[in-house]
N, C-alpha and C. Protein backbone atom coordinates (compact mmCIF):
# COMPACT_ATOMS: atom_id res chain seq x y z
N MET A 1 1.02 -1.10 -0.37
CA MET A 1 0.43 -0.34 -0.09
C MET A 1 0.68 1.28 -0.19
N SER A 2 0.33 2.10 -1.20
CA SER A 2 1.49 3.15 -1.19
C SER A 2 1.07 4.61 0.13
N ASN A 3 1.95 4.67 0.24
CA ASN A 3 1.88 6.35 1.45
C ASN A 3 2.99 7.55 0.82
N ILE A 4 2.65 8.34 1.83
CA ILE A 4 3.61 9.77 1.41
C ILE A 4 5.18 9.16 1.37
N TRP A 5 5.35 8.44 2.37
CA TRP A 5 7.03 8.06 2.78
C TRP A 5 7.43 7.45 1.54
N ILE A 6 6.50 6.20 1.24
CA ILE A 6 6.59 5.89 -0.22
C ILE A 6 7.05 5.94 -1.63
N ALA A 7 5.76 7.17 -1.71
CA ALA A 7 6.36 7.99 -2.81
C ALA A 7 7.38 9.42 -3.11
N ALA A 8 7.86 9.90 -1.64
CA ALA A 8 8.88 10.37 -1.52
C ALA A 8 10.20 9.34 -1.47
N SER A 9 10.35 8.37 -1.19
CA SER A 9 11.51 7.47 -1.07
C SER A 9 11.58 7.02 -2.94
N ASP A 10 10.81 7.05 -3.63
CA ASP A 10 10.25 6.33 -5.04
C ASP A 10 10.84 7.91 -5.64
N GLY A 11 10.65 8.98 -5.38
CA GLY A 11 10.93 10.05 -6.53
C GLY A 11 9.36 10.38 -6.96
N ASN A 12 8.64 10.14 -6.31
CA ASN A 12 7.15 9.74 -7.26
C ASN A 12 6.53 11.49 -6.87
N THR A 13 6.54 12.77 -7.96
CA THR A 13 6.79 13.95 -6.89
C THR A 13 4.70 14.14 -7.31
N ALA A 14 4.50 13.54 -8.35
CA ALA A 14 2.83 13.99 -8.64
C ALA A 14 1.93 13.04 -7.67
N GLN A 15 2.90 11.77 -6.97
CA GLN A 15 1.87 11.66 -6.00
C GLN A 15 1.73 12.27 -4.52
N VAL A 16 2.97 12.69 -4.59
CA VAL A 16 3.29 13.30 -3.12
C VAL A 16 2.65 14.59 -3.67
N LEU A 17 2.86 14.97 -4.26
CA LEU A 17 1.69 16.54 -4.02
C LEU A 17 0.11 15.59 -4.29
N THR A 18 -0.09 15.00 -4.69
CA THR A 18 -2.03 14.53 -4.06
C THR A 18 -1.80 14.31 -2.83
N TYR A 19 -1.09 13.37 -2.07
CA TYR A 19 -1.10 13.68 -0.65
C TYR A 19 -1.04 15.26 0.26
N LEU A 20 -0.66 15.87 -0.40
CA LEU A 20 -0.26 16.67 -0.02
C LEU A 20 -1.53 18.26 -0.06
N SER A 21 -1.60 17.62 -1.16
CA SER A 21 -3.47 18.67 -1.60
C SER A 21 -4.11 18.43 -0.90
N ALA A 22 -4.36 17.01 -0.40
CA ALA A 22 -5.39 16.55 0.31
C ALA A 22 -5.06 16.94 1.79
N ASN A 23 -3.70 16.87 2.28
CA ASN A 23 -3.16 16.98 3.54
C ASN A 23 -2.08 17.95 3.64
N PRO A 24 -1.96 19.02 3.79
CA PRO A 24 -0.35 20.04 3.61
C PRO A 24 0.28 19.26 4.68
N ALA A 25 -0.39 19.16 5.88
CA ALA A 25 0.09 18.94 6.86
C ALA A 25 1.17 17.84 6.96
N LEU A 26 0.60 16.99 6.05
CA LEU A 26 1.67 15.43 5.66
C LEU A 26 3.22 15.58 5.41
N VAL A 27 3.40 17.02 4.76
CA VAL A 27 4.99 17.59 4.33
C VAL A 27 5.69 16.85 5.76
N ASN A 28 5.53 17.22 7.29
CA ASN A 28 6.34 17.11 7.67
C ASN A 28 5.71 16.01 8.93
N SER A 29 4.90 15.02 8.52
CA SER A 29 4.37 13.95 8.86
C SER A 29 5.42 13.20 9.34
N LYS A 30 5.13 11.99 10.30
CA LYS A 30 6.53 11.17 10.99
C LYS A 30 5.26 10.19 10.83
N ASP A 31 6.07 8.40 10.07
CA ASP A 31 5.93 7.37 10.30
C ASP A 31 6.15 7.19 11.36
N GLU A 32 5.81 5.33 11.66
CA GLU A 32 6.34 4.84 12.76
C GLU A 32 7.71 5.18 13.41
N ASN A 33 8.73 5.54 12.86
CA ASN A 33 10.58 5.62 13.44
C ASN A 33 10.39 6.86 13.19
N GLY A 34 9.23 7.87 12.78
CA GLY A 34 9.67 9.24 12.94
C GLY A 34 9.87 9.53 11.58
N TYR A 35 10.26 8.63 10.53
CA TYR A 35 11.02 9.26 9.73
C TYR A 35 10.02 10.10 8.55
N THR A 36 10.20 11.07 8.19
CA THR A 36 9.28 11.69 7.05
C THR A 36 9.93 11.97 5.58
N PRO A 37 8.85 12.51 5.02
CA PRO A 37 8.38 12.40 3.56
C PRO A 37 10.29 13.11 3.28
N ILE A 38 10.82 14.16 3.49
CA ILE A 38 12.09 14.49 3.58
C ILE A 38 13.02 14.22 3.91
N HIS A 39 13.25 13.12 5.13
CA HIS A 39 14.19 12.61 4.84
C HIS A 39 14.16 11.47 3.83
N ALA A 40 13.14 11.06 3.56
CA ALA A 40 12.86 9.87 2.03
C ALA A 40 13.53 10.01 0.85
N ALA A 41 13.12 11.92 0.72
CA ALA A 41 13.53 12.33 -0.45
C ALA A 41 15.25 12.46 -0.45
N ALA A 42 15.44 12.60 0.62
CA ALA A 42 17.12 13.47 0.88
C ALA A 42 17.88 11.70 0.92
N SER A 43 17.74 10.95 1.28
CA SER A 43 18.32 9.60 1.50
C SER A 43 18.10 9.17 -0.03
N TYR A 44 17.09 9.28 -0.89
CA TYR A 44 17.09 8.55 -2.05
C TYR A 44 17.97 9.44 -2.84
N GLY A 45 17.80 10.65 -2.79
CA GLY A 45 18.41 11.54 -3.74
C GLY A 45 17.89 12.22 -4.45
N HIS A 46 16.26 12.74 -4.27
CA HIS A 46 15.68 12.79 -4.80
C HIS A 46 15.47 14.74 -4.66
N LEU A 47 15.88 15.62 -5.57
CA LEU A 47 16.49 17.07 -4.84
C LEU A 47 15.33 17.66 -5.64
N ASP A 48 14.88 17.69 -6.49
CA ASP A 48 13.60 19.01 -6.98
C ASP A 48 12.82 18.01 -6.04
N LEU A 49 12.74 17.09 -5.60
CA LEU A 49 11.26 16.90 -4.53
C LEU A 49 11.68 17.61 -3.38
N LEU A 50 12.83 17.10 -2.38
CA LEU A 50 13.31 17.87 -1.47
C LEU A 50 13.17 19.19 -1.66
N ARG A 51 13.87 20.01 -2.55
CA ARG A 51 13.37 21.57 -2.94
C ARG A 51 12.26 21.65 -2.85
N CYS A 52 10.88 21.07 -3.19
CA CYS A 52 9.63 20.96 -3.88
C CYS A 52 9.02 21.01 -2.32
N LEU A 53 9.50 19.78 -1.29
CA LEU A 53 8.76 19.81 -0.02
C LEU A 53 9.26 21.12 1.06
N VAL A 54 10.92 21.68 0.80
CA VAL A 54 11.12 22.67 1.60
C VAL A 54 10.54 23.59 1.04
N ASN A 55 11.07 24.55 0.01
CA ASN A 55 10.24 25.47 -0.38
C ASN A 55 9.47 26.09 -0.73
N GLU A 56 8.37 25.02 -1.30
CA GLU A 56 7.19 25.39 -1.71
C GLU A 56 6.11 25.00 -0.71
N HIS A 57 6.79 23.43 0.51
CA HIS A 57 5.30 23.26 0.72
C HIS A 57 5.62 23.54 2.87
N GLY A 58 6.45 24.10 3.07
CA GLY A 58 6.82 24.21 4.35
C GLY A 58 7.42 23.22 4.71
N GLY A 59 8.34 22.47 4.33
CA GLY A 59 9.00 21.66 4.82
C GLY A 59 9.91 21.84 6.07
N ASP A 60 10.32 20.84 7.00
CA ASP A 60 11.20 21.26 7.51
C ASP A 60 12.25 20.46 7.78
N ILE A 61 13.61 21.35 6.54
CA ILE A 61 14.61 21.12 7.18
C ILE A 61 15.59 20.09 8.06
N ASN A 62 15.43 20.66 9.09
CA ASN A 62 16.10 20.31 9.93
C ASN A 62 14.87 19.41 11.17
N ILE A 63 13.92 19.17 10.57
CA ILE A 63 13.17 17.88 11.13
C ILE A 63 13.78 16.61 11.91
N ARG A 64 13.67 16.15 13.35
CA ARG A 64 14.36 14.97 13.76
C ARG A 64 13.34 14.01 13.29
N ASP A 65 14.19 12.73 13.25
CA ASP A 65 13.13 11.38 13.67
C ASP A 65 13.49 10.99 14.84
N ASP A 66 13.05 9.95 14.95
CA ASP A 66 12.81 9.18 16.52
C ASP A 66 13.95 9.35 17.26
N ASP A 67 15.25 9.46 16.53
CA ASP A 67 16.43 9.12 17.09
C ASP A 67 17.30 10.57 17.13
N GLY A 68 16.04 11.28 16.66
CA GLY A 68 17.57 12.84 16.41
C GLY A 68 17.51 13.02 15.39
N ASP A 69 17.79 12.15 14.20
CA ASP A 69 18.39 12.41 12.85
C ASP A 69 17.40 12.98 12.30
N THR A 70 18.68 14.35 11.63
CA THR A 70 17.80 15.01 10.36
C THR A 70 17.79 14.36 9.50
N PRO A 71 17.23 15.17 8.14
CA PRO A 71 17.25 14.52 6.50
C PRO A 71 18.70 14.47 6.01
N LEU A 72 20.00 15.06 6.78
CA LEU A 72 20.91 15.67 6.47
C LEU A 72 21.83 13.99 6.95
N PHE A 73 21.29 13.89 7.65
CA PHE A 73 22.51 12.00 8.00
C PHE A 73 21.41 11.35 7.33
N THR A 74 20.75 11.17 6.32
CA THR A 74 20.60 9.76 5.52
C THR A 74 21.65 10.42 4.31
N SER A 75 22.76 11.95 4.35
CA SER A 75 22.62 12.25 2.76
C SER A 75 23.95 10.63 2.44
N GLU A 76 23.67 10.61 1.05
CA GLU A 76 24.59 9.52 0.52
C GLU A 76 25.56 9.61 -0.81
N SER A 77 25.04 11.23 -1.09
CA SER A 77 26.39 11.40 -1.86
C SER A 77 26.37 13.28 -1.46
N VAL A 78 27.50 13.89 -1.70
CA VAL A 78 27.99 15.40 -1.52
C VAL A 78 26.56 16.47 -2.45
N GLU A 79 26.43 15.75 -3.54
CA GLU A 79 25.44 16.79 -3.84
C GLU A 79 24.13 16.87 -3.34
N VAL A 80 23.95 15.91 -2.14
CA VAL A 80 22.59 15.47 -1.72
C VAL A 80 22.99 16.45 -0.13
N ALA A 81 24.35 16.45 0.24
CA ALA A 81 24.33 17.05 1.10
C ALA A 81 24.76 18.58 0.91
N ARG A 82 25.25 19.14 0.01
CA ARG A 82 25.01 20.32 -0.56
C ARG A 82 24.07 20.89 -0.60
N CYS A 83 23.24 20.39 -1.39
CA CYS A 83 21.85 20.66 -1.38
C CYS A 83 21.42 21.27 -0.21
N LEU A 84 21.15 20.08 0.57
CA LEU A 84 20.61 20.48 2.38
C LEU A 84 21.00 21.62 3.18
N VAL A 85 22.40 21.66 2.79
CA VAL A 85 23.09 22.88 3.84
C VAL A 85 23.28 23.91 3.16
N GLU A 86 23.35 23.96 1.55
CA GLU A 86 24.14 25.26 1.22
C GLU A 86 22.67 25.86 0.41
N GLU A 87 21.92 25.13 0.18
CA GLU A 87 20.37 25.86 -1.14
C GLU A 87 19.42 25.79 0.51
N LEU A 88 19.21 24.97 1.07
CA LEU A 88 17.93 24.80 1.91
C LEU A 88 18.34 25.13 3.47
N GLY A 89 19.48 25.35 3.57
CA GLY A 89 20.01 25.52 5.30
C GLY A 89 19.89 24.39 6.65
N ALA A 90 19.90 23.44 5.82
CA ALA A 90 20.01 22.24 6.99
C ALA A 90 21.46 22.61 8.28
N ASP A 91 21.00 22.14 9.38
CA ASP A 91 22.19 22.81 10.28
C ASP A 91 23.25 21.48 10.21
N TRP A 92 24.23 21.56 10.01
CA TRP A 92 25.31 20.74 9.97
C TRP A 92 26.18 20.66 11.12
N GLU A 93 25.62 21.65 12.19
CA GLU A 93 26.68 21.18 13.80
C GLU A 93 25.61 20.23 14.08
N HIS A 94 23.93 20.33 13.80
CA HIS A 94 23.03 19.53 15.02
C HIS A 94 24.12 18.13 15.10
N GLN A 95 23.23 17.77 16.77
CA GLN A 95 23.47 16.10 17.16
C GLN A 95 22.50 15.62 17.76
N ASN A 96 22.43 14.49 17.12
CA ASN A 96 21.34 13.54 17.48
C ASN A 96 21.17 13.14 18.72
N ASP A 97 20.32 12.24 19.42
CA ASP A 97 20.12 11.86 20.64
C ASP A 97 21.06 11.75 21.81
N ILE A 98 21.91 11.14 20.86
CA ILE A 98 23.11 11.01 21.20
C ILE A 98 24.50 11.30 21.21
N GLY A 99 24.49 12.23 20.75
CA GLY A 99 25.47 13.52 20.53
C GLY A 99 26.46 13.50 19.26
N VAL A 100 25.90 13.00 18.29
CA VAL A 100 26.77 12.56 17.20
C VAL A 100 25.98 13.50 16.03
N THR A 101 26.79 14.30 15.49
CA THR A 101 26.50 14.77 14.25
C THR A 101 26.20 14.09 12.92
N ALA A 102 25.84 14.92 11.71
CA ALA A 102 25.62 13.77 10.42
C ALA A 102 27.38 13.34 9.97
N ALA A 103 27.95 14.46 10.22
CA ALA A 103 29.55 14.20 9.76
C ALA A 103 30.22 12.53 10.70
N GLU A 104 29.97 12.76 11.52
CA GLU A 104 30.26 11.44 12.71
C GLU A 104 29.63 10.71 12.23
N ALA A 105 28.30 10.40 12.25
CA ALA A 105 26.70 9.55 11.98
C ALA A 105 27.60 8.68 11.05
N ILE A 106 27.50 9.68 9.59
CA ILE A 106 28.05 8.70 8.36
C ILE A 106 29.28 8.19 8.47
N GLU A 107 30.07 9.03 8.74
CA GLU A 107 31.79 8.18 8.84
C GLU A 107 31.45 6.71 9.78
N GLU A 108 31.03 6.75 10.59
CA GLU A 108 30.29 5.38 11.50
C GLU A 108 29.96 4.27 10.74
N ASP A 109 29.75 5.10 9.38
CA ASP A 109 28.85 4.12 8.78
C ASP A 109 30.22 3.21 7.46
N ASP A 110 30.72 4.36 7.97
CA ASP A 110 32.03 4.16 6.51
C ASP A 110 31.58 3.88 5.48
N GLN A 111 30.73 4.29 4.63
CA GLN A 111 30.24 4.04 3.25
C GLN A 111 30.38 5.25 2.45
N TYR A 112 30.31 6.68 2.64
CA TYR A 112 30.74 7.89 2.38
C TYR A 112 30.99 8.83 2.63
N PRO A 113 33.05 8.25 2.48
CA PRO A 113 33.95 8.97 3.10
C PRO A 113 34.24 10.34 2.28
N LEU A 114 33.00 10.79 0.92
CA LEU A 114 33.08 12.06 0.73
C LEU A 114 32.54 13.14 1.17
N VAL A 115 31.17 12.29 1.61
CA VAL A 115 30.20 13.49 2.27
C VAL A 115 30.76 13.52 3.94
N VAL A 116 31.19 12.74 4.34
CA VAL A 116 32.12 12.93 5.87
C VAL A 116 33.16 13.88 5.58
N ALA A 117 33.77 13.88 4.00
CA ALA A 117 35.11 14.97 3.68
C ALA A 117 34.18 16.53 4.05
N TYR A 118 32.81 15.98 2.62
CA TYR A 118 32.56 17.53 2.85
C TYR A 118 31.53 18.68 4.04
N LEU A 119 31.37 17.74 4.60
CA LEU A 119 30.28 18.39 6.13
C LEU A 119 31.33 18.82 7.22
N ARG A 120 32.76 18.12 7.44
CA ARG A 120 33.83 19.05 8.06
C ARG A 120 34.45 19.86 7.08
N SER A 121 34.24 19.62 6.40
CA SER A 121 35.15 20.97 5.79
C SER A 121 34.26 22.33 6.07
N LEU A 122 32.60 22.00 6.19
CA LEU A 122 32.09 22.97 6.63
C LEU A 122 32.68 23.82 8.23
N SER A 123 33.55 22.96 8.63
CA SER A 123 33.93 23.92 9.96
C SER A 123 35.40 24.01 9.56
N ASP A 124 35.88 24.27 8.53
CA ASP A 124 37.43 24.88 8.52
C ASP A 124 37.06 26.60 8.10
N LYS A 125 38.14 26.95 8.63
CA LYS A 125 37.49 28.10 9.05
C LYS A 125 38.49 29.19 7.75
N GLU A 126 38.69 28.74 6.54
CA GLU A 126 38.86 29.29 5.93
C GLU A 126 37.28 29.53 5.05
N THR A 127 36.63 28.55 5.42
CA THR A 127 35.14 28.04 4.26
C THR A 127 34.79 29.76 4.35
N ILE A 128 34.21 30.21 3.44
CA ILE A 128 33.56 31.51 3.55
C ILE A 128 32.03 31.13 3.46
N ARG A 129 31.53 32.18 3.97
CA ARG A 129 29.20 31.88 3.56
C ARG A 129 29.18 33.64 3.14
N PRO A 130 27.86 33.29 2.91
CA PRO A 130 27.70 34.53 2.48
C PRO A 130 27.13 35.13 4.38
N VAL A 131 27.13 36.48 4.34
CA VAL A 131 26.80 36.55 5.47
C VAL A 131 26.25 37.80 5.60
N ALA A 132 25.27 38.37 6.70
CA ALA A 132 24.65 39.42 6.89
C ALA A 132 25.55 40.56 7.09
N PRO A 133 24.98 41.90 6.24
CA PRO A 133 26.42 42.80 6.84
C PRO A 133 26.67 43.34 8.06
N GLY A 134 27.68 43.39 8.36
CA GLY A 134 28.77 43.44 9.73
C GLY A 134 28.72 42.65 10.41
N SER A 135 28.18 40.61 9.53
CA SER A 135 28.39 39.67 10.76
C SER A 135 29.48 39.18 10.24
N PRO A 136 30.51 38.42 10.60
CA PRO A 136 32.07 37.93 9.69
C PRO A 136 30.91 36.42 9.80
N PRO A 137 31.66 35.59 9.10
CA PRO A 137 30.99 34.54 8.26
C PRO A 137 31.70 33.38 10.02
N GLN A 138 31.23 32.29 9.69
CA GLN A 138 31.17 31.47 10.76
C GLN A 138 32.11 30.45 11.27
N GLY A 139 33.05 31.06 12.24
CA GLY A 139 34.61 30.42 12.19
C GLY A 139 35.50 31.40 11.75
N ILE A 140 35.34 32.77 11.36
CA ILE A 140 36.64 33.58 11.13
C ILE A 140 36.33 34.21 11.98
N ALA A 141 37.63 35.32 12.79
CA ALA A 141 37.78 36.06 13.78
C ALA A 141 38.35 37.56 12.26
N VAL A 142 37.27 38.24 12.97
CA VAL A 142 37.80 39.40 11.98
C VAL A 142 38.09 40.40 13.16
N GLN A 143 39.43 41.18 12.18
CA GLN A 143 39.46 42.62 13.08
C GLN A 143 39.39 43.66 12.06
N VAL A 144 38.36 44.78 13.08
CA VAL A 144 37.68 46.21 12.30
C VAL A 144 38.65 46.87 11.88
N ARG A 145 39.10 47.55 10.89
CA ARG A 145 39.69 48.31 10.78
C ARG A 145 39.57 48.99 9.29
N SER A 146 39.88 50.12 8.90
CA SER A 146 39.79 50.41 7.70
C SER A 146 40.50 49.95 6.88
N VAL A 147 39.89 50.31 5.16
CA VAL A 147 40.82 49.54 4.33
C VAL A 147 42.21 49.95 4.12
N ASP A 148 42.10 51.84 4.22
CA ASP A 148 43.73 52.09 4.41
C ASP A 148 44.36 51.67 5.05
N GLU A 149 44.03 50.77 6.58
CA GLU A 149 44.81 50.20 7.07
C GLU A 149 45.42 49.20 6.59
N ALA A 150 44.22 48.00 5.99
CA ALA A 150 44.76 47.15 5.82
C ALA A 150 45.33 46.71 4.70
N LEU A 151 45.29 48.04 3.61
CA LEU A 151 46.15 48.02 2.44
C LEU A 151 47.64 48.20 2.50
N ALA A 152 47.66 49.27 4.05
CA ALA A 152 49.12 49.20 4.24
C ALA A 152 49.93 47.80 4.69
N GLU A 153 49.31 47.16 4.80
CA GLU A 153 50.57 46.07 5.27
C GLU A 153 51.13 45.98 4.10
N LEU A 154 50.22 45.72 2.98
CA LEU A 154 50.30 45.06 1.75
C LEU A 154 51.87 46.10 1.20
N GLY A 155 51.60 46.98 1.52
CA GLY A 155 52.75 48.03 1.19
C GLY A 155 51.68 48.84 -0.28
N PRO A 156 52.58 48.99 -1.35
CA PRO A 156 51.79 50.09 -2.01
C PRO A 156 51.29 49.10 -2.83
N VAL A 157 50.18 49.64 -3.45
CA VAL A 157 48.96 49.17 -4.53
C VAL A 157 48.73 49.95 -5.76
N ASP A 158 47.90 49.51 -6.70
CA ASP A 158 47.98 50.44 -7.56
C ASP A 158 46.18 51.01 -7.61
N ASP A 159 45.73 51.50 -7.63
CA ASP A 159 44.50 52.60 -7.60
C ASP A 159 43.90 51.28 -8.31
N GLU A 160 43.53 50.75 -8.56
CA GLU A 160 42.58 49.63 -9.65
C GLU A 160 42.36 48.45 -8.26
N PHE A 161 43.50 48.39 -7.50
CA PHE A 161 43.28 47.18 -6.78
C PHE A 161 42.84 47.74 -5.70
N LYS A 162 43.18 49.04 -4.93
CA LYS A 162 42.69 49.60 -3.92
C LYS A 162 40.88 49.80 -4.25
N ARG A 163 40.57 50.20 -5.70
CA ARG A 163 39.23 50.37 -5.32
C ARG A 163 38.08 49.19 -5.39
N ARG A 164 38.69 48.15 -5.81
CA ARG A 164 38.26 46.76 -6.05
C ARG A 164 38.02 46.45 -4.15
N ILE A 165 38.96 46.86 -3.59
CA ILE A 165 39.17 45.99 -2.19
C ILE A 165 38.07 47.00 -1.77
N GLU A 166 37.83 48.30 -1.75
CA GLU A 166 36.89 49.35 -1.23
C GLU A 166 35.41 49.05 -2.11
N GLU A 167 35.75 48.35 -2.79
CA GLU A 167 34.01 48.03 -3.49
C GLU A 167 33.52 47.28 -2.74
N LEU A 168 34.36 45.88 -2.15
CA LEU A 168 33.83 44.58 -1.88
C LEU A 168 33.40 45.02 -0.23
N ALA A 169 34.33 45.75 0.04
CA ALA A 169 34.56 46.38 1.77
C ALA A 169 33.14 46.85 1.99
N ALA A 170 32.11 47.86 0.37
CA ALA A 170 31.31 48.30 1.06
C ALA A 170 29.72 47.41 0.49
N ARG A 171 30.14 46.57 0.47
CA ARG A 171 29.23 45.19 0.29
C ARG A 171 29.11 44.20 0.44
N PRO A 172 29.87 43.96 1.57
CA PRO A 172 29.95 42.51 2.43
C PRO A 172 29.14 41.98 2.31
N GLN A 173 27.66 42.29 2.31
CA GLN A 173 26.40 41.02 2.11
C GLN A 173 25.79 40.70 0.56
N ASP A 174 27.01 41.15 -0.08
CA ASP A 174 26.77 40.60 -1.70
C ASP A 174 28.23 40.22 -2.34
N PHE A 175 29.14 40.05 -1.81
CA PHE A 175 30.39 39.24 -2.30
C PHE A 175 30.04 38.08 -2.35
N THR A 176 30.74 37.68 -3.52
CA THR A 176 30.90 35.66 -3.81
C THR A 176 32.12 35.78 -3.36
N GLN A 177 31.90 34.38 -3.25
CA GLN A 177 33.40 33.29 -2.64
C GLN A 177 34.64 33.68 -3.88
N GLU A 178 33.40 33.68 -5.49
CA GLU A 178 34.53 33.78 -6.48
C GLU A 178 35.26 35.16 -6.42
N GLU A 179 34.78 36.24 -6.11
CA GLU A 179 35.21 37.60 -6.25
C GLU A 179 36.08 37.15 -4.96
N LEU A 180 35.86 37.02 -3.86
CA LEU A 180 36.75 37.40 -3.01
C LEU A 180 37.92 36.17 -3.03
N LYS A 181 37.92 34.96 -3.48
CA LYS A 181 38.93 34.42 -4.45
C LYS A 181 39.84 34.78 -4.99
N GLN A 182 39.45 35.75 -5.92
CA GLN A 182 39.52 36.50 -7.11
C GLN A 182 40.54 37.62 -6.53
N LEU A 183 40.02 38.17 -5.82
CA LEU A 183 40.99 39.11 -5.21
C LEU A 183 42.04 38.89 -4.48
N VAL A 184 41.44 37.89 -3.06
CA VAL A 184 43.14 37.38 -2.92
C VAL A 184 44.13 36.81 -3.45
N THR A 185 43.88 35.76 -4.30
CA THR A 185 45.03 35.17 -4.84
C THR A 185 46.03 36.28 -6.20
N GLU A 186 45.06 37.70 -6.36
CA GLU A 186 46.25 38.63 -7.44
C GLU A 186 46.94 39.60 -6.18
N ALA A 187 46.16 39.52 -4.72
CA ALA A 187 46.74 39.81 -3.48
C ALA A 187 47.89 39.45 -3.31
N VAL A 188 48.30 37.95 -3.28
CA VAL A 188 49.46 37.15 -2.94
C VAL A 188 50.02 37.29 -3.92
N HIS A 189 49.61 37.22 -5.31
CA HIS A 189 50.67 36.79 -6.53
C HIS A 189 51.43 38.69 -6.53
N LYS A 190 50.79 39.39 -6.29
CA LYS A 190 51.16 40.46 -6.75
C LYS A 190 52.13 41.74 -5.40
N HIS A 191 51.39 41.25 -4.59
CA HIS A 191 52.39 42.00 -3.46
C HIS A 191 52.67 41.07 -2.87
N VAL A 192 52.90 39.73 -2.52
CA VAL A 192 53.47 39.02 -1.85
C VAL A 192 54.76 38.33 -2.71
N LEU A 193 53.91 37.67 -3.67
CA LEU A 193 55.48 36.65 -4.32
C LEU A 193 55.74 37.24 -5.32
N GLU A 194 55.36 38.44 -5.51
CA GLU A 194 55.56 39.72 -6.86
C GLU A 194 55.94 40.98 -6.33
N PRO A 195 57.10 41.56 -5.39
CA PRO A 195 56.64 42.37 -4.56
C PRO A 195 57.62 43.18 -5.29
N GLU A 196 57.42 43.54 -6.76
CA GLU A 196 58.16 44.36 -7.70
C GLU A 196 59.45 45.10 -6.86
N GLY A 197 60.71 43.98 -6.45
CA GLY A 197 61.45 44.64 -6.14
C GLY A 197 61.94 45.05 -4.33
N ARG A 198 60.89 44.86 -3.72
CA ARG A 198 60.48 44.91 -2.42
C ARG A 198 61.04 43.71 -1.65
N ASN A 199 61.93 43.89 -0.83
CA ASN A 199 63.06 42.81 0.09
C ASN A 199 61.64 42.19 0.87
N VAL A 200 61.44 40.77 0.63
CA VAL A 200 60.86 40.05 1.61
C VAL A 200 61.26 39.16 2.69
N ARG A 201 60.95 39.19 3.56
CA ARG A 201 61.95 38.86 4.45
C ARG A 201 60.80 38.23 6.17
N ALA A 202 61.68 36.70 6.04
CA ALA A 202 60.37 36.32 6.98
C ALA A 202 60.52 36.78 8.09
N ARG A 203 59.04 36.47 9.10
CA ARG A 203 58.91 37.06 10.42
C ARG A 203 59.88 36.55 11.19
N GLU A 204 60.05 37.38 11.97
CA GLU A 204 61.12 36.54 13.03
C GLU A 204 60.54 35.54 14.14
N GLY A 205 60.41 34.40 13.82
CA GLY A 205 60.39 33.29 14.36
C GLY A 205 59.55 32.25 13.56
N ASP A 206 59.48 33.05 12.35
CA ASP A 206 59.09 32.04 11.16
C ASP A 206 59.81 31.02 11.21
């Protein structure tokens, strides 16, 4: 006998939507084990259905089953994990009822090492995420100072390079990881690796 959990596991979007049309609350409904349609869609990698359940039908991406596991705990591919975390806002730091995160739980199964590596990378201090104006990315320690003070540490810089830094600094809520990566790469090459004749010495103690 079919139900919304089986339909979600099968990726049968039409059937899932039929169930939701009759009873919208089913989006977060649990079976006898606390398993939800969102868990099912995530577990079987049905990303379009997953997005539909969360974005269009109010599904809770961090809903817990009877063990405290969220849909992220069911991820079997990096693509699914990235969708859950980066698109839908899954809490990758959440701990289940025995105090284990998704990365730790998946690692225990020893089946999806790439998923584990991705989830563990999220705690890397160099991971860059979009943030609200005035708020540093998680895990990043920020010293608040002027652009001119920061540029002074690099030594002489051209006007165009300075303009680009000031432009990014003026709109922290909008910068992209690619923009920042490109700017930092240019800074390193131009003002550190190729200092245009300036003497570069290791700091004392390095």
